Amino acid sequence: MNTLVLLDKLTQAVSYQYKTDKTSPGVTVSSLKKGYYASVVRYSDAFAKGKSVVCSARGDTLDQALEGVAKEFLVKANVQPDPLQQLDTLVRKS
């Protein structure tokens, strides 16, 4: 998977999931001595106050860290396909 595409889609998903937050939620990426760290962060107050880490992951590569945090985010968000998505998937398979 393309790293930039994954980062873009993850950032959009985080913004969509927490669209009512007073400060924009986001994705944080850090380079470590060995590997990378990625996290989804949100803020309970305006002006970036009340920061909390929703989920995080580490990986040997940037791709691994982003993929790990994306999977954790989907678990935390408890994403369930809606009936239209399920029907679309079913129809496209036939």
Protein backbone atom coordinates (compact mmCIF):
# COMPACT_ATOMS: atom_id res chain seq x y z
CA MET A 1 0.00 0.00 0.00
CA ASN A 2 1.21 3.51 -0.78
CA THR A 3 2.31 5.31 2.41
CA LEU A 4 0.97 8.70 1.33
CA VAL A 5 -2.40 7.26 0.33
CA LEU A 6 -2.68 5.43 3.66
CA LEU A 7 -1.74 8.57 5.63
CA ASP A 8 -4.24 10.63 3.64
CA LYS A 9 -7.10 8.14 4.12
CA LEU A 10 -6.32 7.68 7.82
CA THR A 11 -6.23 11.44 8.40
CA GLN A 12 -9.55 11.88 6.60
CA ALA A 13 -11.12 9.03 8.58
CA VAL A 14 -9.94 10.50 11.90
CA SER A 15 -11.26 13.95 10.99
CA TYR A 16 -14.59 12.44 9.93
CA GLN A 17 -14.94 10.26 13.05
CA TYR A 18 -14.27 13.18 15.41
CA LYS A 19 -15.70 16.02 13.32
CA THR A 20 -17.39 17.65 16.34
CA ASP A 21 -14.16 18.04 18.34
CA LYS A 22 -13.30 21.65 19.20
CA THR A 23 -9.72 21.20 17.97
CA SER A 24 -9.01 19.18 14.86
CA PRO A 25 -8.01 15.59 15.65
CA GLY A 26 -5.06 14.17 13.77
CA VAL A 27 -2.38 11.61 13.13
CA THR A 28 1.05 11.97 14.69
CA VAL A 29 4.11 10.25 13.22
CA SER A 30 7.54 10.10 14.85
CA SER A 31 10.84 8.60 13.83
CA LEU A 32 12.40 6.55 16.64
CA LYS A 33 15.96 5.29 17.07
CA LYS A 34 14.63 2.00 15.73
CA GLY A 35 11.55 2.32 13.56
CA TYR A 36 8.54 4.58 13.68
CA TYR A 37 5.64 5.51 15.97
CA ALA A 38 2.20 6.60 14.80
CA SER A 39 -0.83 7.65 16.82
CA VAL A 40 -4.32 9.07 16.49
CA VAL A 41 -4.81 12.06 18.78
CA ARG A 42 -7.77 14.18 19.72
CA TYR A 43 -8.37 17.11 22.04
CA SER A 44 -11.18 17.63 24.51
CA ASP A 45 -10.83 21.42 24.56
CA ALA A 46 -10.21 24.22 22.10
CA PHE A 47 -6.71 25.42 21.19
CA ALA A 48 -5.16 21.92 21.38
CA LYS A 49 -5.79 21.48 25.10
CA GLY A 50 -6.80 18.19 26.69
CA LYS A 51 -4.82 15.98 24.31
CA SER A 52 -5.53 12.25 24.41
CA VAL A 53 -4.07 9.40 22.39
CA VAL A 54 -6.87 7.27 20.95
CA CYS A 55 -4.53 4.53 19.72
CA SER A 56 -0.94 4.05 18.68
CA ALA A 57 1.40 1.61 16.97
CA ARG A 58 5.08 1.09 16.32
CA GLY A 59 6.74 -0.49 13.33
CA ASP A 60 10.13 -1.11 11.79
CA THR A 61 8.99 0.95 8.80
CA LEU A 62 6.70 3.93 8.42
CA ASP A 63 4.28 1.73 6.46
CA GLN A 64 4.08 -0.78 9.32
CA ALA A 65 3.47 1.91 11.94
CA LEU A 66 0.72 3.58 9.87
CA GLU A 67 -0.93 0.28 8.99
CA GLY A 68 -0.85 -0.75 12.64
CA VAL A 69 -2.42 2.48 13.89
CA ALA A 70 -5.03 2.36 11.11
CA LYS A 71 -6.08 -1.14 12.21
CA GLU A 72 -6.20 -0.06 15.86
CA PHE A 73 -8.25 3.00 14.93
CA LEU A 74 -10.80 0.87 13.08
CA VAL A 75 -11.14 -1.39 16.13
CA LYS A 76 -11.59 1.61 18.45
CA ALA A 77 -14.07 3.24 16.08
CA ASN A 78 -16.03 -0.05 15.96
CA VAL A 79 -16.65 0.40 12.25
CA GLN A 80 -19.48 -1.72 10.91
CA PRO A 81 -20.48 -1.70 7.25
CA ASP A 82 -23.94 -0.31 6.68
CA PRO A 83 -26.53 -2.36 4.74
CA LEU A 84 -25.82 -0.46 1.49
CA GLN A 85 -22.10 -1.24 1.74
CA GLN A 86 -22.86 -4.90 2.42
CA LEU A 87 -25.21 -5.08 -0.59
CA ASP A 88 -22.67 -3.33 -2.81
CA THR A 89 -19.97 -5.80 -1.77
CA LEU A 90 -22.27 -8.74 -2.40
CA VAL A 91 -23.36 -7.52 -5.83
CA ARG A 92 -19.81 -6.71 -6.97
CA LYS A 93 -18.64 -10.24 -6.10
CA SER A 94 -21.21 -11.87 -8.42
